[in-house]
Amino acid sequence: MILYPKVYLNSAKDITIDFLKKHNLKGLILDVDNTLIDYYKNMPNGIEEWINKLKENNIKLYILSNTNKKEKVENVSKKLNIDYINFAKKPLKSGFLKVKEKMGLNNENIGVVGDQIMTDVIGANRCKMFSILVKPIDKKDIPLTMIKRPLENLIIKSYLKKKSKEE
């Protein structure tokens, strides 16, 4: 189903090298808001180390964010030394496909990491990329996202129920 992620994790930091090898992922497209930083632009402990570990293992990384606040994305980009596209208009395919070209990878070798179903998961699934939904870093969200969260929580509940039946 286009609304369901391939995997649902507590944090982006839960994506290990073994996980990437198991799923044949050679690159990750990363969301920013509530995935790499919180509402107040704080980066949780361990994100930089996690990114460095991925780079050491030749995992290609790219930031794809819907925010129109270029400076915010640019600051994260500089801190982590990862290229970015902001105002990506996810879940439209164009941003995902631009990043795919820049990475030089096939769709099935790219994981998309984000905290929202309506943008990150749907966009990844539409592009036949590996969708990885993570729990938001913080409860505080921008107003538009706050409006979508109750619906997304219902979808997650349904997804988890389906997953537990499969196990």
N, C-alpha and C. Protein backbone atom coordinates (compact mmCIF):
# COMPACT_ATOMS: atom_id res chain seq x y z
N MET A 1 0.84 -1.19 0.00
CA MET A 1 0.00 0.00 0.00
C MET A 1 0.88 1.25 0.00
N ILE A 2 0.51 2.22 -0.77
CA ILE A 2 1.32 3.43 -0.93
C ILE A 2 1.48 4.22 0.38
N LEU A 3 0.54 4.04 1.32
CA LEU A 3 0.60 4.77 2.59
C LEU A 3 1.50 4.10 3.62
N TYR A 4 1.85 2.85 3.40
CA TYR A 4 2.64 2.12 4.38
C TYR A 4 4.13 2.17 4.06
N PRO A 5 4.94 2.42 5.09
CA PRO A 5 6.39 2.36 4.86
C PRO A 5 6.85 0.91 4.76
N LYS A 6 8.02 0.71 4.20
CA LYS A 6 8.61 -0.63 4.20
C LYS A 6 9.01 -1.00 5.63
N VAL A 7 9.49 0.02 6.37
CA VAL A 7 9.96 -0.18 7.74
C VAL A 7 9.58 1.04 8.58
N TYR A 8 9.27 0.79 9.85
CA TYR A 8 8.96 1.87 10.80
C TYR A 8 9.92 1.75 11.97
N LEU A 9 10.73 2.78 12.19
CA LEU A 9 11.76 2.75 13.22
C LEU A 9 11.59 3.89 14.23
N ASN A 10 12.23 3.74 15.38
CA ASN A 10 12.17 4.78 16.40
C ASN A 10 12.93 6.03 15.99
N SER A 11 14.03 5.85 15.28
CA SER A 11 14.92 6.96 14.95
C SER A 11 15.71 6.63 13.69
N ALA A 12 16.15 7.67 13.00
CA ALA A 12 17.03 7.46 11.84
C ALA A 12 18.30 6.73 12.28
N LYS A 13 18.74 6.99 13.50
CA LYS A 13 19.97 6.36 14.00
C LYS A 13 19.84 4.84 14.13
N ASP A 14 18.63 4.32 14.04
CA ASP A 14 18.41 2.86 14.09
C ASP A 14 18.76 2.19 12.76
N ILE A 15 19.04 2.99 11.74
CA ILE A 15 19.43 2.44 10.44
C ILE A 15 20.92 2.12 10.50
N THR A 16 21.22 0.85 10.57
CA THR A 16 22.61 0.40 10.70
C THR A 16 23.17 -0.02 9.34
N ILE A 17 24.46 -0.22 9.32
CA ILE A 17 25.12 -0.71 8.10
C ILE A 17 24.57 -2.10 7.75
N ASP A 18 24.38 -2.95 8.76
CA ASP A 18 23.80 -4.28 8.50
C ASP A 18 22.40 -4.18 7.90
N PHE A 19 21.59 -3.26 8.42
CA PHE A 19 20.24 -3.04 7.89
C PHE A 19 20.33 -2.64 6.41
N LEU A 20 21.23 -1.72 6.11
CA LEU A 20 21.37 -1.26 4.72
C LEU A 20 21.82 -2.39 3.81
N LYS A 21 22.76 -3.20 4.26
CA LYS A 21 23.23 -4.34 3.46
C LYS A 21 22.10 -5.34 3.24
N LYS A 22 21.36 -5.63 4.31
CA LYS A 22 20.25 -6.59 4.23
C LYS A 22 19.22 -6.18 3.17
N HIS A 23 18.98 -4.87 3.06
CA HIS A 23 17.97 -4.37 2.12
C HIS A 23 18.59 -3.84 0.82
N ASN A 24 19.89 -4.08 0.64
CA ASN A 24 20.62 -3.68 -0.57
C ASN A 24 20.49 -2.18 -0.85
N LEU A 25 20.60 -1.38 0.21
CA LEU A 25 20.51 0.07 0.08
C LEU A 25 21.91 0.67 0.06
N LYS A 26 22.17 1.49 -0.96
CA LYS A 26 23.49 2.11 -1.13
C LYS A 26 23.44 3.62 -0.93
N GLY A 27 22.23 4.14 -0.76
CA GLY A 27 22.06 5.58 -0.55
C GLY A 27 20.82 5.86 0.27
N LEU A 28 20.86 7.00 0.98
CA LEU A 28 19.71 7.43 1.77
C LEU A 28 19.36 8.87 1.44
N ILE A 29 18.09 9.10 1.20
CA ILE A 29 17.55 10.45 1.07
C ILE A 29 16.96 10.80 2.43
N LEU A 30 17.43 11.88 3.01
CA LEU A 30 17.06 12.24 4.38
C LEU A 30 16.19 13.48 4.44
N ASP A 31 15.13 13.39 5.22
CA ASP A 31 14.31 14.55 5.55
C ASP A 31 15.04 15.32 6.65
N VAL A 32 14.66 16.57 6.89
CA VAL A 32 15.31 17.37 7.93
C VAL A 32 14.42 17.53 9.16
N ASP A 33 13.28 18.20 8.98
CA ASP A 33 12.43 18.54 10.12
C ASP A 33 11.87 17.31 10.82
N ASN A 34 12.18 17.23 12.09
CA ASN A 34 11.73 16.14 12.98
C ASN A 34 12.28 14.77 12.57
N THR A 35 13.29 14.78 11.68
CA THR A 35 14.02 13.56 11.32
C THR A 35 15.48 13.72 11.73
N LEU A 36 16.09 14.86 11.33
CA LEU A 36 17.48 15.16 11.71
C LEU A 36 17.58 16.26 12.77
N ILE A 37 16.59 17.16 12.79
CA ILE A 37 16.55 18.22 13.80
C ILE A 37 15.12 18.36 14.33
N ASP A 38 15.01 18.93 15.53
CA ASP A 38 13.68 19.16 16.09
C ASP A 38 13.14 20.52 15.65
N TYR A 39 11.98 20.87 16.14
CA TYR A 39 11.31 22.13 15.79
C TYR A 39 12.20 23.34 16.07
N TYR A 40 13.00 23.24 17.13
CA TYR A 40 13.87 24.35 17.55
C TYR A 40 15.24 24.31 16.88
N LYS A 41 15.38 23.45 15.87
CA LYS A 41 16.61 23.32 15.07
C LYS A 41 17.76 22.65 15.83
N ASN A 42 17.43 21.92 16.90
CA ASN A 42 18.44 21.17 17.65
C ASN A 42 18.63 19.80 17.02
N MET A 43 19.87 19.39 16.89
CA MET A 43 20.19 18.07 16.36
C MET A 43 20.44 17.14 17.54
N PRO A 44 19.70 16.02 17.61
CA PRO A 44 19.90 15.10 18.74
C PRO A 44 21.31 14.53 18.77
N ASN A 45 21.73 14.16 19.96
CA ASN A 45 23.04 13.52 20.13
C ASN A 45 23.11 12.27 19.26
N GLY A 46 24.25 12.07 18.65
CA GLY A 46 24.48 10.85 17.90
C GLY A 46 24.22 10.96 16.40
N ILE A 47 23.54 12.00 15.96
CA ILE A 47 23.23 12.13 14.52
C ILE A 47 24.52 12.29 13.71
N GLU A 48 25.40 13.17 14.15
CA GLU A 48 26.65 13.39 13.41
C GLU A 48 27.48 12.11 13.33
N GLU A 49 27.57 11.39 14.44
CA GLU A 49 28.33 10.14 14.46
C GLU A 49 27.70 9.11 13.52
N TRP A 50 26.38 9.04 13.54
CA TRP A 50 25.65 8.12 12.67
C TRP A 50 25.94 8.43 11.20
N ILE A 51 25.86 9.71 10.85
CA ILE A 51 26.14 10.15 9.47
C ILE A 51 27.57 9.80 9.07
N ASN A 52 28.51 10.06 9.96
CA ASN A 52 29.92 9.75 9.67
C ASN A 52 30.15 8.26 9.45
N LYS A 53 29.47 7.44 10.24
CA LYS A 53 29.57 5.97 10.09
C LYS A 53 29.05 5.55 8.71
N LEU A 54 27.93 6.14 8.30
CA LEU A 54 27.37 5.83 6.98
C LEU A 54 28.35 6.22 5.88
N LYS A 55 28.92 7.41 6.00
CA LYS A 55 29.89 7.88 4.99
C LYS A 55 31.11 6.97 4.93
N GLU A 56 31.60 6.54 6.10
CA GLU A 56 32.76 5.64 6.15
C GLU A 56 32.49 4.33 5.40
N ASN A 57 31.22 3.97 5.34
CA ASN A 57 30.82 2.73 4.66
C ASN A 57 30.29 2.99 3.25
N ASN A 58 30.66 4.15 2.71
CA ASN A 58 30.33 4.52 1.32
C ASN A 58 28.83 4.58 1.01
N ILE A 59 28.04 4.91 2.01
CA ILE A 59 26.61 5.12 1.78
C ILE A 59 26.44 6.55 1.28
N LYS A 60 25.77 6.71 0.14
CA LYS A 60 25.54 8.04 -0.41
C LYS A 60 24.37 8.69 0.34
N LEU A 61 24.53 9.96 0.66
CA LEU A 61 23.53 10.68 1.44
C LEU A 61 23.13 11.98 0.75
N TYR A 62 21.85 12.31 0.87
CA TYR A 62 21.36 13.55 0.29
C TYR A 62 20.16 14.01 1.12
N ILE A 63 20.07 15.31 1.37
CA ILE A 63 18.94 15.87 2.12
C ILE A 63 17.89 16.36 1.12
N LEU A 64 16.64 15.97 1.36
CA LEU A 64 15.51 16.42 0.56
C LEU A 64 14.44 16.92 1.53
N SER A 65 14.23 18.23 1.53
CA SER A 65 13.32 18.84 2.51
C SER A 65 12.25 19.67 1.83
N ASN A 66 11.07 19.67 2.42
CA ASN A 66 9.99 20.50 1.90
C ASN A 66 10.06 21.94 2.38
N THR A 67 10.86 22.22 3.36
CA THR A 67 10.88 23.57 3.91
C THR A 67 11.35 24.60 2.90
N ASN A 68 10.75 25.78 2.97
CA ASN A 68 11.20 26.88 2.12
C ASN A 68 12.21 27.75 2.87
N LYS A 69 12.56 27.34 4.08
CA LYS A 69 13.56 28.06 4.88
C LYS A 69 14.95 27.53 4.54
N LYS A 70 15.50 28.07 3.46
CA LYS A 70 16.77 27.58 2.91
C LYS A 70 17.88 27.57 3.96
N GLU A 71 17.95 28.62 4.75
CA GLU A 71 19.03 28.75 5.74
C GLU A 71 19.01 27.60 6.74
N LYS A 72 17.82 27.17 7.14
CA LYS A 72 17.70 26.06 8.09
C LYS A 72 18.29 24.78 7.50
N VAL A 73 17.90 24.46 6.28
CA VAL A 73 18.39 23.24 5.62
C VAL A 73 19.89 23.37 5.34
N GLU A 74 20.29 24.54 4.92
CA GLU A 74 21.70 24.79 4.62
C GLU A 74 22.58 24.57 5.86
N ASN A 75 22.09 25.02 7.02
CA ASN A 75 22.86 24.83 8.27
C ASN A 75 23.04 23.35 8.59
N VAL A 76 21.99 22.56 8.42
CA VAL A 76 22.07 21.12 8.66
C VAL A 76 23.02 20.50 7.62
N SER A 77 22.87 20.92 6.39
CA SER A 77 23.71 20.43 5.29
C SER A 77 25.19 20.67 5.58
N LYS A 78 25.51 21.88 6.02
CA LYS A 78 26.91 22.22 6.32
C LYS A 78 27.43 21.43 7.51
N LYS A 79 26.61 21.33 8.55
CA LYS A 79 27.02 20.62 9.76
C LYS A 79 27.33 19.15 9.46
N LEU A 80 26.51 18.54 8.59
CA LEU A 80 26.67 17.12 8.29
C LEU A 80 27.46 16.88 7.00
N ASN A 81 27.77 17.96 6.28
CA ASN A 81 28.49 17.88 5.01
C ASN A 81 27.77 16.95 4.02
N ILE A 82 26.48 17.29 3.80
CA ILE A 82 25.62 16.55 2.87
C ILE A 82 24.94 17.57 1.96
N ASP A 83 24.91 17.32 0.67
CA ASP A 83 24.19 18.20 -0.26
C ASP A 83 22.69 18.14 0.02
N TYR A 84 21.98 19.15 -0.48
CA TYR A 84 20.55 19.22 -0.19
C TYR A 84 19.75 19.85 -1.32
N ILE A 85 18.46 19.59 -1.27
CA ILE A 85 17.46 20.30 -2.06
C ILE A 85 16.39 20.70 -1.06
N ASN A 86 16.05 21.99 -1.02
CA ASN A 86 14.94 22.42 -0.16
C ASN A 86 13.75 22.77 -1.03
N PHE A 87 12.62 23.01 -0.40
CA PHE A 87 11.36 23.29 -1.08
C PHE A 87 11.11 22.23 -2.17
N ALA A 88 11.20 20.97 -1.74
CA ALA A 88 11.17 19.82 -2.66
C ALA A 88 9.78 19.43 -3.14
N LYS A 89 8.75 19.90 -2.48
CA LYS A 89 7.36 19.60 -2.85
C LYS A 89 7.04 18.12 -2.79
N LYS A 90 7.60 17.44 -1.78
CA LYS A 90 7.27 16.03 -1.57
C LYS A 90 5.78 15.95 -1.24
N PRO A 91 5.03 15.00 -1.72
CA PRO A 91 5.41 13.71 -2.30
C PRO A 91 5.55 13.71 -3.82
N LEU A 92 5.63 14.87 -4.47
CA LEU A 92 5.87 14.87 -5.91
C LEU A 92 7.19 14.15 -6.20
N LYS A 93 7.25 13.49 -7.33
CA LYS A 93 8.41 12.66 -7.67
C LYS A 93 9.67 13.46 -8.02
N SER A 94 9.51 14.68 -8.50
CA SER A 94 10.64 15.41 -9.09
C SER A 94 11.86 15.52 -8.17
N GLY A 95 11.68 15.88 -6.93
CA GLY A 95 12.81 16.00 -6.01
C GLY A 95 13.52 14.68 -5.78
N PHE A 96 12.75 13.63 -5.60
CA PHE A 96 13.32 12.29 -5.39
C PHE A 96 14.14 11.86 -6.62
N LEU A 97 13.59 12.13 -7.79
CA LEU A 97 14.27 11.72 -9.03
C LEU A 97 15.53 12.54 -9.29
N LYS A 98 15.51 13.83 -8.91
CA LYS A 98 16.72 14.65 -9.03
C LYS A 98 17.83 14.08 -8.16
N VAL A 99 17.47 13.72 -6.92
CA VAL A 99 18.46 13.17 -6.00
C VAL A 99 18.98 11.83 -6.52
N LYS A 100 18.08 11.02 -7.05
CA LYS A 100 18.48 9.72 -7.63
C LYS A 100 19.55 9.93 -8.70
N GLU A 101 19.33 10.89 -9.57
CA GLU A 101 20.31 11.18 -10.63
C GLU A 101 21.65 11.62 -10.04
N LYS A 102 21.60 12.48 -9.03
CA LYS A 102 22.83 12.97 -8.40
C LYS A 102 23.58 11.83 -7.71
N MET A 103 22.83 10.88 -7.14
CA MET A 103 23.45 9.74 -6.46
C MET A 103 23.99 8.71 -7.45
N GLY A 104 23.39 8.64 -8.62
CA GLY A 104 23.79 7.64 -9.60
C GLY A 104 23.43 6.23 -9.19
N LEU A 105 22.30 6.09 -8.50
CA LEU A 105 21.84 4.78 -8.02
C LEU A 105 20.49 4.44 -8.63
N ASN A 106 20.15 3.17 -8.60
CA ASN A 106 18.82 2.72 -9.01
C ASN A 106 17.83 2.98 -7.88
N ASN A 107 16.58 3.17 -8.23
CA ASN A 107 15.53 3.44 -7.24
C ASN A 107 15.53 2.43 -6.10
N GLU A 108 15.66 1.14 -6.43
CA GLU A 108 15.56 0.10 -5.41
C GLU A 108 16.76 0.07 -4.45
N ASN A 109 17.81 0.83 -4.78
CA ASN A 109 18.99 0.91 -3.90
C ASN A 109 19.00 2.16 -3.04
N ILE A 110 17.89 2.90 -3.06
CA ILE A 110 17.79 4.15 -2.30
C ILE A 110 16.72 4.01 -1.22
N GLY A 111 17.11 4.34 0.01
CA GLY A 111 16.18 4.41 1.13
C GLY A 111 15.79 5.86 1.35
N VAL A 112 14.55 6.09 1.69
CA VAL A 112 14.07 7.45 1.98
C VAL A 112 13.66 7.46 3.45
N VAL A 113 14.29 8.35 4.22
CA VAL A 113 14.10 8.42 5.66
C VAL A 113 13.37 9.70 6.03
N GLY A 114 12.22 9.56 6.67
CA GLY A 114 11.47 10.74 7.10
C GLY A 114 10.43 10.40 8.14
N ASP A 115 9.85 11.43 8.72
CA ASP A 115 8.89 11.25 9.81
C ASP A 115 7.43 11.41 9.39
N GLN A 116 7.19 11.64 8.08
CA GLN A 116 5.82 11.85 7.64
C GLN A 116 5.41 10.90 6.52
N ILE A 117 4.21 10.36 6.66
CA ILE A 117 3.65 9.46 5.64
C ILE A 117 3.27 10.26 4.40
N MET A 118 2.61 11.40 4.61
CA MET A 118 2.04 12.16 3.48
C MET A 118 3.09 12.76 2.56
N THR A 119 4.31 12.87 3.01
CA THR A 119 5.37 13.45 2.18
C THR A 119 6.44 12.41 1.87
N ASP A 120 7.12 11.94 2.90
CA ASP A 120 8.28 11.06 2.73
C ASP A 120 7.90 9.66 2.24
N VAL A 121 6.96 9.03 2.92
CA VAL A 121 6.59 7.64 2.58
C VAL A 121 5.89 7.57 1.22
N ILE A 122 4.90 8.41 1.02
CA ILE A 122 4.19 8.38 -0.26
C ILE A 122 5.14 8.70 -1.41
N GLY A 123 5.98 9.71 -1.24
CA GLY A 123 6.94 10.06 -2.29
C GLY A 123 7.89 8.92 -2.60
N ALA A 124 8.43 8.30 -1.56
CA ALA A 124 9.35 7.16 -1.75
C ALA A 124 8.64 6.02 -2.45
N ASN A 125 7.46 5.68 -1.98
CA ASN A 125 6.72 4.56 -2.57
C ASN A 125 6.33 4.83 -4.03
N ARG A 126 5.97 6.06 -4.34
CA ARG A 126 5.63 6.41 -5.73
C ARG A 126 6.84 6.24 -6.64
N CYS A 127 8.03 6.46 -6.08
CA CYS A 127 9.27 6.34 -6.88
C CYS A 127 9.88 4.95 -6.78
N LYS A 128 9.19 4.03 -6.12
CA LYS A 128 9.69 2.66 -5.94
C LYS A 128 11.02 2.63 -5.19
N MET A 129 11.14 3.55 -4.23
CA MET A 129 12.29 3.57 -3.34
C MET A 129 11.89 2.94 -2.02
N PHE A 130 12.86 2.61 -1.18
CA PHE A 130 12.62 1.92 0.08
C PHE A 130 12.24 2.95 1.16
N SER A 131 10.96 2.97 1.53
CA SER A 131 10.47 3.97 2.48
C SER A 131 10.73 3.56 3.93
N ILE A 132 11.37 4.46 4.67
CA ILE A 132 11.69 4.22 6.08
C ILE A 132 11.06 5.35 6.89
N LEU A 133 9.99 5.03 7.59
CA LEU A 133 9.32 6.00 8.45
C LEU A 133 9.96 5.96 9.83
N VAL A 134 10.29 7.13 10.36
CA VAL A 134 10.84 7.20 11.72
C VAL A 134 9.90 8.04 12.58
N LYS A 135 9.93 7.75 13.88
CA LYS A 135 9.13 8.55 14.80
C LYS A 135 9.70 9.96 14.83
N PRO A 136 8.82 10.97 14.92
CA PRO A 136 9.32 12.35 14.99
C PRO A 136 10.22 12.54 16.22
N ILE A 137 11.26 13.36 16.07
CA ILE A 137 12.17 13.64 17.17
C ILE A 137 11.43 14.28 18.33
N ASP A 138 10.47 15.16 18.01
CA ASP A 138 9.78 15.94 19.04
C ASP A 138 8.29 16.01 18.72
N LYS A 139 7.48 16.27 19.72
CA LYS A 139 6.03 16.42 19.53
C LYS A 139 5.70 17.73 18.81
N LYS A 140 6.52 18.75 19.02
CA LYS A 140 6.26 20.07 18.43
C LYS A 140 6.51 20.02 16.93
N ASP A 141 5.52 20.52 16.17
CA ASP A 141 5.56 20.51 14.71
C ASP A 141 5.09 21.85 14.17
N ILE A 142 5.36 22.08 12.89
CA ILE A 142 4.78 23.25 12.24
C ILE A 142 3.27 23.00 12.12
N PRO A 143 2.45 24.06 12.05
CA PRO A 143 0.98 23.89 12.03
C PRO A 143 0.46 22.92 10.98
N LEU A 144 0.94 23.00 9.74
CA LEU A 144 0.44 22.11 8.69
C LEU A 144 0.67 20.65 9.04
N THR A 145 1.84 20.35 9.57
CA THR A 145 2.16 18.97 9.95
C THR A 145 1.28 18.52 11.12
N MET A 146 1.03 19.44 12.07
CA MET A 146 0.18 19.09 13.22
C MET A 146 -1.21 18.67 12.75
N ILE A 147 -1.70 19.28 11.70
CA ILE A 147 -3.03 18.95 11.16
C ILE A 147 -3.02 17.53 10.59
N LYS A 148 -1.91 17.12 9.98
CA LYS A 148 -1.83 15.80 9.34
C LYS A 148 -1.54 14.66 10.32
N ARG A 149 -0.95 14.97 11.47
CA ARG A 149 -0.50 13.91 12.39
C ARG A 149 -1.61 12.94 12.83
N PRO A 150 -2.81 13.41 13.20
CA PRO A 150 -3.84 12.44 13.62
C PRO A 150 -4.15 11.39 12.53
N LEU A 151 -4.24 11.82 11.28
CA LEU A 151 -4.50 10.89 10.19
C LEU A 151 -3.31 9.94 10.03
N GLU A 152 -2.11 10.49 10.09
CA GLU A 152 -0.91 9.64 9.97
C GLU A 152 -0.85 8.63 11.11
N ASN A 153 -1.25 9.04 12.31
CA ASN A 153 -1.24 8.11 13.45
C ASN A 153 -2.22 6.96 13.24
N LEU A 154 -3.37 7.23 12.61
CA LEU A 154 -4.32 6.16 12.28
C LEU A 154 -3.71 5.19 11.27
N ILE A 155 -3.01 5.73 10.28
CA ILE A 155 -2.37 4.89 9.26
C ILE A 155 -1.28 4.03 9.92
N ILE A 156 -0.50 4.61 10.81
CA ILE A 156 0.56 3.87 11.50
C ILE A 156 -0.05 2.75 12.34
N LYS A 157 -1.14 3.05 13.01
CA LYS A 157 -1.82 2.04 13.83
C LYS A 157 -2.26 0.86 12.95
N SER A 158 -2.84 1.16 11.80
CA SER A 158 -3.27 0.13 10.86
C SER A 158 -2.07 -0.66 10.33
N TYR A 159 -1.00 0.04 10.01
CA TYR A 159 0.24 -0.59 9.53
C TYR A 159 0.80 -1.56 10.58
N LEU A 160 0.86 -1.11 11.84
CA LEU A 160 1.41 -1.95 12.91
C LEU A 160 0.53 -3.18 13.16
N LYS A 161 -0.78 -3.01 13.04
CA LYS A 161 -1.71 -4.13 13.20
C LYS A 161 -1.48 -5.17 12.10
N LYS A 162 -1.32 -4.69 10.87
CA LYS A 162 -1.04 -5.57 9.73
C LYS A 162 0.28 -6.31 9.93
N LYS A 163 1.30 -5.58 10.36
CA LYS A 163 2.63 -6.17 10.58
C LYS A 163 2.58 -7.26 11.65
N SER A 164 1.86 -7.00 12.74
CA SER A 164 1.80 -7.99 13.82
C SER A 164 1.08 -9.26 13.37
N LYS A 165 0.12 -9.14 12.46
CA LYS A 165 -0.57 -10.32 11.92
C LYS A 165 0.36 -11.14 11.02
N GLU A 166 1.29 -10.46 10.35
CA GLU A 166 2.22 -11.12 9.45
C GLU A 166 3.29 -11.90 10.20
N GLU A 167 3.55 -11.50 11.43
CA GLU A 167 4.65 -12.15 12.19
C GLU A 167 4.22 -13.44 12.86
